[in-house]
Amino acid sequence: MKIFYGLLCIVGTILPYSQLLPWLYNYGFNLQQFISEISHSKMGAFAWWDVIISIIVLIGFILYEGKQKGMNHLWLPIIATCTVGVSLGLPFFLLLRQIHIEKQDVE
């Protein structure tokens, strides 16, 4: 599972950033343009609300599950979620969780 989660971390970073980086190149950090584009259509707004709710749920899951398992460095997948998205934050947390579980099984 660690290889699977690790590969998803890579793909979950590359695919979103393959869309974000060209946009940043064209517009820079233009927040007004960004908001305009994500709210331009009902489907765009639908997708962004879905992402926002998923981020909130994932951060709650990271904090709850991570504390239940006694994991350290829970801030790492939270930062990954906030800077890339759920596509990195979730597999990264699951990777850290799997490593933590395997380490406990050895002890």
N, C-alpha and C. Protein backbone atom coordinates (compact mmCIF):
# COMPACT_ATOMS: atom_id res chain seq x y z
N MET A 1 0.82 -1.20 0.00
CA MET A 1 0.00 0.00 0.00
C MET A 1 0.86 1.27 0.00
N LYS A 2 2.06 1.18 0.62
CA LYS A 2 2.90 2.37 0.67
C LYS A 2 3.27 2.84 -0.73
N ILE A 3 3.58 1.91 -1.63
CA ILE A 3 3.92 2.30 -3.01
C ILE A 3 2.72 2.91 -3.70
N PHE A 4 1.55 2.32 -3.49
CA PHE A 4 0.31 2.85 -4.08
C PHE A 4 0.05 4.27 -3.60
N TYR A 5 0.12 4.50 -2.28
CA TYR A 5 -0.10 5.83 -1.74
C TYR A 5 0.97 6.81 -2.21
N GLY A 6 2.22 6.35 -2.27
CA GLY A 6 3.30 7.21 -2.74
C GLY A 6 3.10 7.64 -4.19
N LEU A 7 2.70 6.69 -5.04
CA LEU A 7 2.42 7.04 -6.44
C LEU A 7 1.26 8.02 -6.56
N LEU A 8 0.22 7.81 -5.74
CA LEU A 8 -0.91 8.73 -5.77
C LEU A 8 -0.51 10.13 -5.29
N CYS A 9 0.43 10.21 -4.37
CA CYS A 9 0.94 11.52 -3.94
C CYS A 9 1.58 12.25 -5.12
N ILE A 10 2.36 11.51 -5.91
CA ILE A 10 3.03 12.11 -7.07
C ILE A 10 2.01 12.55 -8.10
N VAL A 11 1.11 11.65 -8.47
CA VAL A 11 0.08 11.97 -9.47
C VAL A 11 -0.84 13.07 -8.95
N GLY A 12 -1.17 13.01 -7.65
CA GLY A 12 -2.05 14.00 -7.05
C GLY A 12 -1.44 15.37 -6.95
N THR A 13 -0.14 15.47 -7.13
CA THR A 13 0.53 16.78 -7.18
C THR A 13 0.69 17.24 -8.63
N ILE A 14 1.14 16.33 -9.49
CA ILE A 14 1.43 16.69 -10.88
C ILE A 14 0.18 17.13 -11.63
N LEU A 15 -0.90 16.37 -11.53
CA LEU A 15 -2.10 16.71 -12.32
C LEU A 15 -2.70 18.07 -11.96
N PRO A 16 -2.95 18.36 -10.67
CA PRO A 16 -3.49 19.69 -10.38
C PRO A 16 -2.53 20.83 -10.75
N TYR A 17 -1.24 20.64 -10.48
CA TYR A 17 -0.28 21.70 -10.78
C TYR A 17 -0.05 21.85 -12.28
N SER A 18 -0.34 20.81 -13.07
CA SER A 18 -0.23 20.95 -14.53
C SER A 18 -1.26 21.94 -15.06
N GLN A 19 -2.30 22.19 -14.29
CA GLN A 19 -3.30 23.18 -14.66
C GLN A 19 -3.05 24.52 -13.98
N LEU A 20 -2.57 24.47 -12.74
CA LEU A 20 -2.36 25.70 -11.99
C LEU A 20 -1.16 26.50 -12.48
N LEU A 21 -0.04 25.84 -12.74
CA LEU A 21 1.18 26.57 -13.11
C LEU A 21 1.04 27.37 -14.40
N PRO A 22 0.44 26.82 -15.47
CA PRO A 22 0.24 27.66 -16.66
C PRO A 22 -0.69 28.85 -16.38
N TRP A 23 -1.69 28.63 -15.54
CA TRP A 23 -2.60 29.72 -15.19
C TRP A 23 -1.83 30.81 -14.45
N LEU A 24 -1.00 30.42 -13.49
CA LEU A 24 -0.19 31.40 -12.75
C LEU A 24 0.77 32.12 -13.68
N TYR A 25 1.31 31.42 -14.66
CA TYR A 25 2.21 32.05 -15.62
C TYR A 25 1.47 33.15 -16.40
N ASN A 26 0.23 32.87 -16.77
CA ASN A 26 -0.57 33.84 -17.55
C ASN A 26 -1.10 34.99 -16.71
N TYR A 27 -1.55 34.70 -15.49
CA TYR A 27 -2.25 35.71 -14.69
C TYR A 27 -1.53 36.13 -13.42
N GLY A 28 -0.53 35.39 -12.99
CA GLY A 28 0.13 35.68 -11.73
C GLY A 28 -0.81 35.35 -10.58
N PHE A 29 -0.57 35.98 -9.44
CA PHE A 29 -1.42 35.74 -8.26
C PHE A 29 -2.58 36.73 -8.27
N ASN A 30 -3.37 36.68 -9.32
CA ASN A 30 -4.50 37.58 -9.50
C ASN A 30 -5.75 36.94 -8.86
N LEU A 31 -5.99 37.27 -7.60
CA LEU A 31 -7.09 36.66 -6.86
C LEU A 31 -8.45 36.99 -7.49
N GLN A 32 -8.59 38.20 -7.99
CA GLN A 32 -9.85 38.60 -8.62
C GLN A 32 -10.13 37.73 -9.85
N GLN A 33 -9.12 37.51 -10.67
CA GLN A 33 -9.27 36.67 -11.87
C GLN A 33 -9.57 35.22 -11.46
N PHE A 34 -8.89 34.75 -10.42
CA PHE A 34 -9.09 33.39 -9.93
C PHE A 34 -10.55 33.18 -9.50
N ILE A 35 -11.05 34.08 -8.68
CA ILE A 35 -12.43 33.97 -8.20
C ILE A 35 -13.41 34.09 -9.35
N SER A 36 -13.13 34.97 -10.27
CA SER A 36 -13.98 35.13 -11.44
C SER A 36 -14.09 33.83 -12.24
N GLU A 37 -12.96 33.18 -12.44
CA GLU A 37 -12.96 31.96 -13.23
C GLU A 37 -13.61 30.78 -12.52
N ILE A 38 -13.41 30.66 -11.21
CA ILE A 38 -14.01 29.50 -10.52
C ILE A 38 -15.51 29.67 -10.30
N SER A 39 -15.98 30.90 -10.36
CA SER A 39 -17.42 31.12 -10.17
C SER A 39 -18.12 31.50 -11.46
N HIS A 40 -17.45 31.31 -12.58
CA HIS A 40 -18.00 31.69 -13.88
C HIS A 40 -19.22 30.86 -14.27
N SER A 41 -19.26 29.61 -13.82
CA SER A 41 -20.39 28.76 -14.19
C SER A 41 -20.90 28.02 -12.96
N LYS A 42 -22.10 27.49 -13.07
CA LYS A 42 -22.66 26.70 -11.98
C LYS A 42 -21.82 25.44 -11.74
N MET A 43 -21.30 24.83 -12.80
CA MET A 43 -20.48 23.63 -12.65
C MET A 43 -19.14 23.96 -11.98
N GLY A 44 -18.58 25.11 -12.31
CA GLY A 44 -17.34 25.53 -11.64
C GLY A 44 -17.58 25.75 -10.16
N ALA A 45 -18.68 26.41 -9.83
CA ALA A 45 -19.01 26.63 -8.42
C ALA A 45 -19.29 25.31 -7.71
N PHE A 46 -20.00 24.41 -8.39
CA PHE A 46 -20.27 23.08 -7.84
C PHE A 46 -18.96 22.37 -7.50
N ALA A 47 -18.02 22.38 -8.43
CA ALA A 47 -16.74 21.69 -8.22
C ALA A 47 -15.97 22.31 -7.07
N TRP A 48 -15.96 23.64 -7.00
CA TRP A 48 -15.21 24.28 -5.93
C TRP A 48 -15.84 24.07 -4.56
N TRP A 49 -17.16 24.09 -4.48
CA TRP A 49 -17.79 23.80 -3.19
C TRP A 49 -17.51 22.36 -2.76
N ASP A 50 -17.49 21.46 -3.73
CA ASP A 50 -17.16 20.07 -3.44
C ASP A 50 -15.74 19.96 -2.88
N VAL A 51 -14.80 20.67 -3.49
CA VAL A 51 -13.41 20.67 -3.04
C VAL A 51 -13.30 21.27 -1.64
N ILE A 52 -13.96 22.38 -1.40
CA ILE A 52 -13.87 23.04 -0.09
C ILE A 52 -14.41 22.13 1.01
N ILE A 53 -15.55 21.51 0.77
CA ILE A 53 -16.12 20.59 1.77
C ILE A 53 -15.20 19.39 1.97
N SER A 54 -14.64 18.86 0.88
CA SER A 54 -13.71 17.73 0.98
C SER A 54 -12.48 18.09 1.80
N ILE A 55 -11.97 19.30 1.63
CA ILE A 55 -10.81 19.76 2.40
C ILE A 55 -11.16 19.81 3.89
N ILE A 56 -12.31 20.35 4.22
CA ILE A 56 -12.73 20.44 5.63
C ILE A 56 -12.86 19.04 6.24
N VAL A 57 -13.49 18.13 5.50
CA VAL A 57 -13.67 16.75 5.99
C VAL A 57 -12.31 16.08 6.15
N LEU A 58 -11.43 16.26 5.18
CA LEU A 58 -10.12 15.61 5.25
C LEU A 58 -9.29 16.13 6.42
N ILE A 59 -9.30 17.42 6.66
CA ILE A 59 -8.55 17.97 7.80
C ILE A 59 -9.10 17.42 9.11
N GLY A 60 -10.42 17.34 9.22
CA GLY A 60 -11.03 16.73 10.41
C GLY A 60 -10.62 15.28 10.56
N PHE A 61 -10.61 14.54 9.47
CA PHE A 61 -10.20 13.13 9.50
C PHE A 61 -8.73 12.99 9.89
N ILE A 62 -7.88 13.82 9.32
CA ILE A 62 -6.45 13.79 9.65
C ILE A 62 -6.25 14.02 11.15
N LEU A 63 -6.89 15.04 11.68
CA LEU A 63 -6.73 15.36 13.10
C LEU A 63 -7.29 14.26 13.99
N TYR A 64 -8.47 13.78 13.70
CA TYR A 64 -9.11 12.76 14.53
C TYR A 64 -8.36 11.43 14.45
N GLU A 65 -8.21 10.93 13.24
CA GLU A 65 -7.57 9.62 13.05
C GLU A 65 -6.10 9.66 13.48
N GLY A 66 -5.42 10.75 13.16
CA GLY A 66 -4.02 10.87 13.53
C GLY A 66 -3.82 10.87 15.03
N LYS A 67 -4.67 11.58 15.75
CA LYS A 67 -4.56 11.59 17.22
C LYS A 67 -4.95 10.24 17.80
N GLN A 68 -5.97 9.59 17.22
CA GLN A 68 -6.37 8.25 17.68
C GLN A 68 -5.23 7.25 17.55
N LYS A 69 -4.46 7.37 16.47
CA LYS A 69 -3.36 6.45 16.21
C LYS A 69 -2.07 6.89 16.89
N GLY A 70 -2.05 8.09 17.48
CA GLY A 70 -0.84 8.59 18.12
C GLY A 70 0.23 9.02 17.14
N MET A 71 -0.20 9.53 15.98
CA MET A 71 0.74 9.93 14.93
C MET A 71 1.31 11.32 15.22
N ASN A 72 2.53 11.53 14.73
CA ASN A 72 3.19 12.83 14.81
C ASN A 72 3.15 13.51 13.45
N HIS A 73 3.47 14.77 13.43
CA HIS A 73 3.61 15.55 12.19
C HIS A 73 2.32 15.60 11.36
N LEU A 74 1.18 15.70 12.03
CA LEU A 74 -0.09 15.77 11.31
C LEU A 74 -0.21 17.05 10.49
N TRP A 75 0.59 18.03 10.80
CA TRP A 75 0.57 19.29 10.06
C TRP A 75 1.04 19.09 8.62
N LEU A 76 1.86 18.08 8.35
CA LEU A 76 2.37 17.87 6.99
C LEU A 76 1.27 17.58 5.98
N PRO A 77 0.39 16.59 6.21
CA PRO A 77 -0.68 16.38 5.23
C PRO A 77 -1.70 17.52 5.21
N ILE A 78 -1.82 18.26 6.31
CA ILE A 78 -2.73 19.41 6.30
C ILE A 78 -2.16 20.50 5.39
N ILE A 79 -0.86 20.77 5.49
CA ILE A 79 -0.21 21.74 4.60
C ILE A 79 -0.31 21.26 3.15
N ALA A 80 -0.10 19.96 2.92
CA ALA A 80 -0.21 19.40 1.57
C ALA A 80 -1.61 19.60 1.01
N THR A 81 -2.61 19.43 1.85
CA THR A 81 -4.00 19.62 1.43
C THR A 81 -4.27 21.07 1.07
N CYS A 82 -3.75 21.98 1.88
CA CYS A 82 -4.01 23.41 1.65
C CYS A 82 -3.20 23.98 0.50
N THR A 83 -2.06 23.39 0.17
CA THR A 83 -1.23 23.94 -0.91
C THR A 83 -1.42 23.25 -2.25
N VAL A 84 -1.82 21.98 -2.23
CA VAL A 84 -2.07 21.25 -3.48
C VAL A 84 -3.53 20.87 -3.56
N GLY A 85 -4.03 20.18 -2.55
CA GLY A 85 -5.43 19.78 -2.55
C GLY A 85 -5.61 18.41 -1.93
N VAL A 86 -6.83 17.95 -1.93
CA VAL A 86 -7.18 16.64 -1.40
C VAL A 86 -6.44 15.56 -2.18
N SER A 87 -6.14 15.82 -3.45
CA SER A 87 -5.46 14.84 -4.29
C SER A 87 -4.06 14.51 -3.78
N LEU A 88 -3.44 15.38 -3.00
CA LEU A 88 -2.17 15.07 -2.35
C LEU A 88 -2.39 14.79 -0.87
N GLY A 89 -3.21 15.59 -0.20
CA GLY A 89 -3.37 15.46 1.25
C GLY A 89 -3.86 14.11 1.69
N LEU A 90 -4.84 13.53 1.00
CA LEU A 90 -5.39 12.24 1.41
C LEU A 90 -4.38 11.10 1.22
N PRO A 91 -3.80 10.92 0.03
CA PRO A 91 -2.84 9.81 -0.07
C PRO A 91 -1.61 10.02 0.81
N PHE A 92 -1.20 11.27 1.04
CA PHE A 92 -0.05 11.55 1.90
C PHE A 92 -0.36 11.15 3.34
N PHE A 93 -1.55 11.51 3.82
CA PHE A 93 -1.93 11.10 5.17
C PHE A 93 -2.01 9.58 5.27
N LEU A 94 -2.62 8.93 4.27
CA LEU A 94 -2.74 7.48 4.31
C LEU A 94 -1.37 6.80 4.26
N LEU A 95 -0.43 7.40 3.53
CA LEU A 95 0.94 6.88 3.50
C LEU A 95 1.59 7.00 4.88
N LEU A 96 1.48 8.17 5.50
CA LEU A 96 2.03 8.36 6.83
C LEU A 96 1.37 7.43 7.84
N ARG A 97 0.08 7.25 7.70
CA ARG A 97 -0.66 6.35 8.60
C ARG A 97 -0.19 4.91 8.44
N GLN A 98 0.00 4.48 7.19
CA GLN A 98 0.47 3.13 6.93
C GLN A 98 1.87 2.91 7.50
N ILE A 99 2.74 3.88 7.33
CA ILE A 99 4.10 3.80 7.88
C ILE A 99 4.03 3.70 9.40
N HIS A 100 3.18 4.53 10.01
CA HIS A 100 3.01 4.52 11.46
C HIS A 100 2.50 3.16 11.96
N ILE A 101 1.51 2.62 11.28
CA ILE A 101 0.94 1.32 11.68
C ILE A 101 2.00 0.22 11.56
N GLU A 102 2.75 0.22 10.47
CA GLU A 102 3.76 -0.81 10.27
C GLU A 102 4.88 -0.69 11.30
N LYS A 103 5.22 0.54 11.67
CA LYS A 103 6.25 0.75 12.68
C LYS A 103 5.78 0.22 14.03
N GLN A 104 4.50 0.42 14.35
CA GLN A 104 3.96 -0.09 15.62
C GLN A 104 3.91 -1.60 15.63
N ASP A 105 3.64 -2.23 14.48
CA ASP A 105 3.58 -3.69 14.41
C ASP A 105 4.95 -4.32 14.68
N VAL A 106 6.01 -3.60 14.31
CA VAL A 106 7.38 -4.12 14.50
C VAL A 106 7.77 -4.03 15.97
N GLU A 107 7.31 -2.99 16.66
CA GLU A 107 7.69 -2.77 18.06
C GLU A 107 7.06 -3.71 18.98
